[in-house]
Amino acid sequence: MKVTKKDDYQLLTAREVASLLHVSKAQAYRLIQQGELKSIRFGRTVRVRPEDLEAFIQRNTCSS
C-alpha cells in the first residue's frame, strides 16, 4: 500500500466515531468489540478507518 497524502491514512478514534454516529463512546466501543464495526488495534489503542465507518452506516441504513 502506498500512502500518498494525509487523508490516505486518517484513522478515527472511538470518541470521533461516537460523535459522528451520535452515540456514547461506550456504544462505539461496543460496536467495535462485537465486530459490527471493523477496527485496527495497536496494543490498547483502537482506531476505525473512515471507509469502514461508511460501510457500517451503509449496512445499517434502512430503506423506507
N, C-alpha and C. Protein backbone atom coordinates (compact mmCIF):
# COMPACT_ATOMS: atom_id res chain seq x y z
N MET A 1 0.83 -1.18 0.00
CA MET A 1 0.00 0.00 0.00
C MET A 1 0.88 1.24 0.00
N LYS A 2 0.55 2.16 -0.84
CA LYS A 2 1.32 3.39 -0.93
C LYS A 2 0.50 4.56 -0.37
N VAL A 3 1.02 5.20 0.66
CA VAL A 3 0.35 6.36 1.24
C VAL A 3 0.90 7.59 0.55
N THR A 4 0.00 8.35 -0.09
CA THR A 4 0.45 9.50 -0.87
C THR A 4 0.07 10.84 -0.27
N LYS A 5 -0.94 10.86 0.58
CA LYS A 5 -1.35 12.11 1.20
C LYS A 5 -1.94 11.84 2.58
N LYS A 6 -2.08 12.87 3.36
CA LYS A 6 -2.52 12.73 4.74
C LYS A 6 -3.86 11.99 4.85
N ASP A 7 -4.83 12.28 3.99
CA ASP A 7 -6.15 11.67 4.07
C ASP A 7 -6.12 10.17 3.80
N ASP A 8 -5.05 9.67 3.19
CA ASP A 8 -4.95 8.25 2.90
C ASP A 8 -4.78 7.41 4.17
N TYR A 9 -4.36 8.01 5.26
CA TYR A 9 -4.13 7.24 6.47
C TYR A 9 -4.80 7.82 7.69
N GLN A 10 -5.83 8.63 7.51
CA GLN A 10 -6.56 9.17 8.64
C GLN A 10 -7.35 8.05 9.31
N LEU A 11 -7.20 7.94 10.61
CA LEU A 11 -7.94 6.95 11.39
C LEU A 11 -8.74 7.67 12.45
N LEU A 12 -9.93 7.15 12.74
CA LEU A 12 -10.82 7.77 13.71
C LEU A 12 -10.72 7.10 15.07
N THR A 13 -10.79 7.89 16.12
CA THR A 13 -10.84 7.35 17.47
C THR A 13 -12.27 6.92 17.78
N ALA A 14 -12.44 6.17 18.85
CA ALA A 14 -13.78 5.76 19.28
C ALA A 14 -14.61 6.99 19.63
N ARG A 15 -13.99 7.99 20.21
CA ARG A 15 -14.70 9.24 20.54
C ARG A 15 -15.21 9.92 19.27
N GLU A 16 -14.39 9.94 18.23
CA GLU A 16 -14.81 10.55 16.96
C GLU A 16 -15.93 9.75 16.31
N VAL A 17 -15.82 8.42 16.36
CA VAL A 17 -16.87 7.56 15.82
C VAL A 17 -18.18 7.82 16.57
N ALA A 18 -18.10 7.88 17.89
CA ALA A 18 -19.29 8.13 18.70
C ALA A 18 -19.93 9.46 18.33
N SER A 19 -19.11 10.47 18.15
CA SER A 19 -19.61 11.80 17.79
C SER A 19 -20.29 11.77 16.42
N LEU A 20 -19.68 11.11 15.46
CA LEU A 20 -20.25 11.03 14.11
C LEU A 20 -21.56 10.25 14.07
N LEU A 21 -21.67 9.22 14.91
CA LEU A 21 -22.87 8.39 14.94
C LEU A 21 -23.91 8.91 15.95
N HIS A 22 -23.54 9.92 16.73
CA HIS A 22 -24.41 10.47 17.78
C HIS A 22 -24.81 9.40 18.80
N VAL A 23 -23.80 8.65 19.23
CA VAL A 23 -23.98 7.65 20.29
C VAL A 23 -22.90 7.90 21.35
N SER A 24 -23.00 7.18 22.46
CA SER A 24 -21.99 7.32 23.50
C SER A 24 -20.70 6.64 23.07
N LYS A 25 -19.61 7.02 23.74
CA LYS A 25 -18.33 6.38 23.46
C LYS A 25 -18.40 4.89 23.81
N ALA A 26 -19.13 4.57 24.88
CA ALA A 26 -19.29 3.16 25.28
C ALA A 26 -20.00 2.37 24.17
N GLN A 27 -20.99 2.96 23.54
CA GLN A 27 -21.70 2.28 22.46
C GLN A 27 -20.77 2.09 21.26
N ALA A 28 -19.95 3.07 20.97
CA ALA A 28 -18.99 2.93 19.87
C ALA A 28 -18.03 1.77 20.15
N TYR A 29 -17.51 1.70 21.38
CA TYR A 29 -16.63 0.59 21.74
C TYR A 29 -17.37 -0.75 21.65
N ARG A 30 -18.64 -0.77 22.03
CA ARG A 30 -19.44 -2.00 21.96
C ARG A 30 -19.55 -2.48 20.51
N LEU A 31 -19.81 -1.55 19.59
CA LEU A 31 -19.92 -1.92 18.17
C LEU A 31 -18.60 -2.51 17.66
N ILE A 32 -17.49 -1.94 18.12
CA ILE A 32 -16.17 -2.43 17.74
C ILE A 32 -15.92 -3.80 18.35
N GLN A 33 -16.19 -3.93 19.65
CA GLN A 33 -15.96 -5.19 20.36
C GLN A 33 -16.77 -6.34 19.78
N GLN A 34 -18.01 -6.05 19.40
CA GLN A 34 -18.89 -7.10 18.86
C GLN A 34 -18.60 -7.42 17.40
N GLY A 35 -17.67 -6.68 16.79
CA GLY A 35 -17.29 -6.95 15.42
C GLY A 35 -18.22 -6.34 14.38
N GLU A 36 -19.18 -5.54 14.83
CA GLU A 36 -20.09 -4.89 13.88
C GLU A 36 -19.40 -3.77 13.12
N LEU A 37 -18.39 -3.18 13.73
CA LEU A 37 -17.63 -2.09 13.13
C LEU A 37 -16.16 -2.51 13.11
N LYS A 38 -15.60 -2.64 11.91
CA LYS A 38 -14.20 -3.06 11.79
C LYS A 38 -13.29 -2.03 12.43
N SER A 39 -12.20 -2.51 13.02
CA SER A 39 -11.26 -1.60 13.66
C SER A 39 -9.83 -2.09 13.50
N ILE A 40 -8.91 -1.22 13.83
CA ILE A 40 -7.49 -1.52 13.82
C ILE A 40 -6.99 -1.33 15.25
N ARG A 41 -6.23 -2.29 15.74
CA ARG A 41 -5.72 -2.21 17.11
C ARG A 41 -4.20 -2.12 17.10
N PHE A 42 -3.69 -1.24 17.97
CA PHE A 42 -2.26 -1.16 18.26
C PHE A 42 -2.17 -1.27 19.76
N GLY A 43 -1.93 -2.44 20.28
CA GLY A 43 -1.94 -2.61 21.73
C GLY A 43 -3.32 -2.32 22.27
N ARG A 44 -3.42 -1.31 23.13
CA ARG A 44 -4.72 -0.94 23.72
C ARG A 44 -5.44 0.14 22.91
N THR A 45 -4.78 0.67 21.89
CA THR A 45 -5.35 1.73 21.07
C THR A 45 -6.23 1.15 19.98
N VAL A 46 -7.41 1.73 19.79
CA VAL A 46 -8.35 1.28 18.77
C VAL A 46 -8.64 2.43 17.82
N ARG A 47 -8.59 2.16 16.53
CA ARG A 47 -8.90 3.18 15.52
C ARG A 47 -9.80 2.55 14.46
N VAL A 48 -10.58 3.40 13.79
CA VAL A 48 -11.50 2.96 12.75
C VAL A 48 -11.19 3.73 11.47
N ARG A 49 -11.07 3.01 10.37
CA ARG A 49 -10.87 3.67 9.08
C ARG A 49 -12.18 4.33 8.66
N PRO A 50 -12.13 5.53 8.10
CA PRO A 50 -13.36 6.19 7.65
C PRO A 50 -14.19 5.34 6.70
N GLU A 51 -13.54 4.59 5.82
CA GLU A 51 -14.29 3.75 4.89
C GLU A 51 -15.01 2.60 5.60
N ASP A 52 -14.46 2.11 6.72
CA ASP A 52 -15.14 1.08 7.49
C ASP A 52 -16.36 1.65 8.21
N LEU A 53 -16.25 2.88 8.68
CA LEU A 53 -17.41 3.54 9.29
C LEU A 53 -18.49 3.76 8.24
N GLU A 54 -18.11 4.19 7.05
CA GLU A 54 -19.08 4.40 5.97
C GLU A 54 -19.76 3.08 5.60
N ALA A 55 -19.00 1.99 5.53
CA ALA A 55 -19.57 0.68 5.21
C ALA A 55 -20.56 0.25 6.30
N PHE A 56 -20.22 0.50 7.55
CA PHE A 56 -21.12 0.18 8.67
C PHE A 56 -22.43 0.96 8.53
N ILE A 57 -22.34 2.23 8.21
CA ILE A 57 -23.53 3.06 8.04
C ILE A 57 -24.38 2.54 6.89
N GLN A 58 -23.75 2.20 5.78
CA GLN A 58 -24.47 1.67 4.62
C GLN A 58 -25.19 0.35 4.96
N ARG A 59 -24.50 -0.53 5.68
CA ARG A 59 -25.09 -1.82 6.05
C ARG A 59 -26.29 -1.65 6.97
N ASN A 60 -26.29 -0.60 7.75
CA ASN A 60 -27.33 -0.41 8.77
C ASN A 60 -28.34 0.67 8.40
N THR A 61 -28.33 1.10 7.16
CA THR A 61 -29.29 2.09 6.69
C THR A 61 -30.56 1.37 6.23
N CYS A 62 -31.68 1.78 6.78
CA CYS A 62 -32.96 1.19 6.42
C CYS A 62 -33.57 1.98 5.27
N SER A 63 -34.12 1.26 4.32
CA SER A 63 -34.83 1.94 3.23
C SER A 63 -36.31 2.00 3.57
N SER A 64 -36.94 3.07 3.20
CA SER A 64 -38.37 3.25 3.52
C SER A 64 -39.26 2.57 2.55
